[in-house]
Amino acid sequence: MWIWQAITGALLLVLLGVHMVAQHFVAPTGLRFYTDVVAYLANPWIFALETVFLGVVITHALMGVRAIILDLAISEKADLLLKRVLVVVGVVLFIYGVYVTGMIAF
């Protein structure tokens, strides 16, 4: 799992960089207003990129939570339950995030 956390960490650097450039450095005023964000997210490629960014953030964060809890030396049974709970939490967060972003964009 630590390999996946390292991969998602590297992806976070790339995706955060793209997000910051697109949201703050390319915008004429330095910051996009609500109408600008709606128009920006209406582009299917941008929506997909932001969705991937959301998935990577959630995955990286929940793997970090798991790593911290594993430092408490929990049992294998508790680890299995923890994995299942974190997967459910991650899926719910991802679906909610895509839903909200989709409501804004479309």
C-alpha atoms as a PDB file:
ATOM      1  CA  MET A   1       0.000   0.000   0.000  1.00  0.00           C
ATOM      2  CA  TRP A   2       2.889   2.394   0.622  1.00  0.00           C
ATOM      3  CA  ILE A   3       3.772   2.204  -3.088  1.00  0.00           C
ATOM      4  CA  TRP A   4       0.248   3.348  -3.975  1.00  0.00           C
ATOM      5  CA  GLN A   5       0.485   6.167  -1.476  1.00  0.00           C
ATOM      6  CA  ALA A   6       3.771   7.269  -3.031  1.00  0.00           C
ATOM      7  CA  ILE A   7       2.226   7.095  -6.519  1.00  0.00           C
ATOM      8  CA  THR A   8      -0.828   9.095  -5.458  1.00  0.00           C
ATOM      9  CA  GLY A   9       1.480  11.585  -3.733  1.00  0.00           C
ATOM     10  CA  ALA A  10       3.387  12.124  -6.982  1.00  0.00           C
ATOM     11  CA  LEU A  11       0.124  12.402  -8.910  1.00  0.00           C
ATOM     12  CA  LEU A  12      -1.068  14.974  -6.377  1.00  0.00           C
ATOM     13  CA  LEU A  13       1.919  17.162  -7.137  1.00  0.00           C
ATOM     14  CA  VAL A  14       1.214  17.044 -10.870  1.00  0.00           C
ATOM     15  CA  LEU A  15      -2.561  17.461 -10.613  1.00  0.00           C
ATOM     16  CA  LEU A  16      -2.308  20.206  -8.003  1.00  0.00           C
ATOM     17  CA  GLY A  17       0.141  22.046 -10.226  1.00  0.00           C
ATOM     18  CA  VAL A  18      -2.207  21.793 -13.209  1.00  0.00           C
ATOM     19  CA  HIS A  19      -5.146  22.852 -11.044  1.00  0.00           C
ATOM     20  CA  MET A  20      -3.304  25.876  -9.624  1.00  0.00           C
ATOM     21  CA  VAL A  21      -2.092  27.046 -13.028  1.00  0.00           C
ATOM     22  CA  ALA A  22      -5.530  26.645 -14.615  1.00  0.00           C
ATOM     23  CA  GLN A  23      -7.446  28.207 -11.731  1.00  0.00           C
ATOM     24  CA  HIS A  24      -5.131  31.028 -10.688  1.00  0.00           C
ATOM     25  CA  PHE A  25      -2.404  31.795 -13.213  1.00  0.00           C
ATOM     26  CA  VAL A  26      -4.354  31.545 -16.474  1.00  0.00           C
ATOM     27  CA  ALA A  27      -7.422  33.415 -15.231  1.00  0.00           C
ATOM     28  CA  PRO A  28      -7.201  37.100 -16.242  1.00  0.00           C
ATOM     29  CA  THR A  29      -8.112  38.401 -12.773  1.00  0.00           C
ATOM     30  CA  GLY A  30      -5.963  35.841 -10.944  1.00  0.00           C
ATOM     31  CA  LEU A  31      -9.023  34.082  -9.588  1.00  0.00           C
ATOM     32  CA  ARG A  32     -12.033  32.629 -11.345  1.00  0.00           C
ATOM     33  CA  PHE A  33     -15.439  33.876 -10.283  1.00  0.00           C
ATOM     34  CA  TYR A  34     -18.411  31.499  -9.986  1.00  0.00           C
ATOM     35  CA  THR A  35     -19.542  32.003 -13.605  1.00  0.00           C
ATOM     36  CA  ASP A  36     -15.975  31.444 -14.805  1.00  0.00           C
ATOM     37  CA  VAL A  37     -15.755  28.211 -12.801  1.00  0.00           C
ATOM     38  CA  VAL A  38     -19.049  26.974 -14.228  1.00  0.00           C
ATOM     39  CA  ALA A  39     -17.859  27.658 -17.784  1.00  0.00           C
ATOM     40  CA  TYR A  40     -14.474  26.074 -17.001  1.00  0.00           C
ATOM     41  CA  LEU A  41     -15.988  22.895 -15.528  1.00  0.00           C
ATOM     42  CA  ALA A  42     -18.449  22.563 -18.424  1.00  0.00           C
ATOM     43  CA  ASN A  43     -15.534  21.402 -20.576  1.00  0.00           C
ATOM     44  CA  PRO A  44     -15.655  17.574 -20.419  1.00  0.00           C
ATOM     45  CA  TRP A  45     -11.845  17.289 -20.337  1.00  0.00           C
ATOM     46  CA  ILE A  46     -11.583  19.690 -17.420  1.00  0.00           C
ATOM     47  CA  PHE A  47     -14.425  17.934 -15.598  1.00  0.00           C
ATOM     48  CA  ALA A  48     -12.602  14.615 -16.069  1.00  0.00           C
ATOM     49  CA  LEU A  49      -9.312  16.124 -14.864  1.00  0.00           C
ATOM     50  CA  GLU A  50     -10.927  17.590 -11.752  1.00  0.00           C
ATOM     51  CA  THR A  51     -12.680  14.265 -11.097  1.00  0.00           C
ATOM     52  CA  VAL A  52      -9.367  12.401 -11.291  1.00  0.00           C
ATOM     53  CA  PHE A  53      -7.853  15.009  -8.967  1.00  0.00           C
ATOM     54  CA  LEU A  54     -10.676  14.408  -6.475  1.00  0.00           C
ATOM     55  CA  GLY A  55     -10.184  10.634  -6.634  1.00  0.00           C
ATOM     56  CA  VAL A  56      -6.437  10.910  -6.101  1.00  0.00           C
ATOM     57  CA  VAL A  57      -6.869  13.279  -3.124  1.00  0.00           C
ATOM     58  CA  ILE A  58      -9.416  10.986  -1.466  1.00  0.00           C
ATOM     59  CA  THR A  59      -7.316   7.867  -2.095  1.00  0.00           C
ATOM     60  CA  HIS A  60      -4.118   9.448  -0.791  1.00  0.00           C
ATOM     61  CA  ALA A  61      -5.836  10.873   2.292  1.00  0.00           C
ATOM     62  CA  LEU A  62      -7.578   7.645   3.274  1.00  0.00           C
ATOM     63  CA  MET A  63      -4.405   5.601   2.794  1.00  0.00           C
ATOM     64  CA  GLY A  64      -2.707   8.084   5.124  1.00  0.00           C
ATOM     65  CA  VAL A  65      -5.467   7.616   7.710  1.00  0.00           C
ATOM     66  CA  ARG A  66      -5.027   3.843   7.450  1.00  0.00           C
ATOM     67  CA  ALA A  67      -1.246   4.149   7.877  1.00  0.00           C
ATOM     68  CA  ILE A  68      -1.686   6.248  11.012  1.00  0.00           C
ATOM     69  CA  ILE A  69      -4.166   3.772  12.500  1.00  0.00           C
ATOM     70  CA  LEU A  70      -1.863   0.841  11.634  1.00  0.00           C
ATOM     71  CA  ASP A  71       0.802   2.491  13.802  1.00  0.00           C
ATOM     72  CA  LEU A  72      -1.469   1.677  16.738  1.00  0.00           C
ATOM     73  CA  ALA A  73      -0.748  -2.042  16.121  1.00  0.00           C
ATOM     74  CA  ILE A  74      -4.311  -3.146  15.441  1.00  0.00           C
ATOM     75  CA  SER A  75      -5.183  -6.774  14.742  1.00  0.00           C
ATOM     76  CA  GLU A  76      -5.553  -8.232  11.236  1.00  0.00           C
ATOM     77  CA  LYS A  77      -9.292  -8.493  11.756  1.00  0.00           C
ATOM     78  CA  ALA A  78      -9.487  -4.824  12.731  1.00  0.00           C
ATOM     79  CA  ASP A  79      -7.321  -3.928   9.721  1.00  0.00           C
ATOM     80  CA  LEU A  80      -9.704  -5.756   7.403  1.00  0.00           C
ATOM     81  CA  LEU A  81     -12.657  -3.902   8.900  1.00  0.00           C
ATOM     82  CA  LEU A  82     -10.750  -0.623   8.646  1.00  0.00           C
ATOM     83  CA  LYS A  83     -10.018  -1.250   4.951  1.00  0.00           C
ATOM     84  CA  ARG A  84     -13.681  -1.925   4.252  1.00  0.00           C
ATOM     85  CA  VAL A  85     -14.846   1.148   6.141  1.00  0.00           C
ATOM     86  CA  LEU A  86     -12.302   3.373   4.395  1.00  0.00           C
ATOM     87  CA  VAL A  87     -13.294   2.022   0.971  1.00  0.00           C
ATOM     88  CA  VAL A  88     -16.947   2.773   1.695  1.00  0.00           C
ATOM     89  CA  VAL A  89     -16.076   6.243   2.992  1.00  0.00           C
ATOM     90  CA  GLY A  90     -13.901   6.879  -0.067  1.00  0.00           C
ATOM     91  CA  VAL A  91     -16.582   5.764  -2.522  1.00  0.00           C
ATOM     92  CA  VAL A  92     -19.240   7.872  -0.783  1.00  0.00           C
ATOM     93  CA  LEU A  93     -16.971  10.936  -0.759  1.00  0.00           C
ATOM     94  CA  PHE A  94     -16.060  10.444  -4.415  1.00  0.00           C
ATOM     95  CA  ILE A  95     -19.680  10.031  -5.535  1.00  0.00           C
ATOM     96  CA  TYR A  96     -20.716  13.084  -3.536  1.00  0.00           C
ATOM     97  CA  GLY A  97     -17.834  15.158  -4.918  1.00  0.00           C
ATOM     98  CA  VAL A  98     -18.573  14.185  -8.518  1.00  0.00           C
ATOM     99  CA  TYR A  99     -22.279  14.871  -7.955  1.00  0.00           C
ATOM    100  CA  VAL A 100     -21.646  18.365  -6.547  1.00  0.00           C
ATOM    101  CA  THR A 101     -19.122  19.209  -9.248  1.00  0.00           C
ATOM    102  CA  GLY A 102     -21.525  17.926 -11.896  1.00  0.00           C
ATOM    103  CA  MET A 103     -24.347  20.051 -10.475  1.00  0.00           C
ATOM    104  CA  ILE A 104     -22.124  23.114 -10.751  1.00  0.00           C
ATOM    105  CA  ALA A 105     -20.837  22.288 -14.223  1.00  0.00           C
ATOM    106  CA  PHE A 106     -23.998  21.065 -15.911  1.00  0.00           C
END
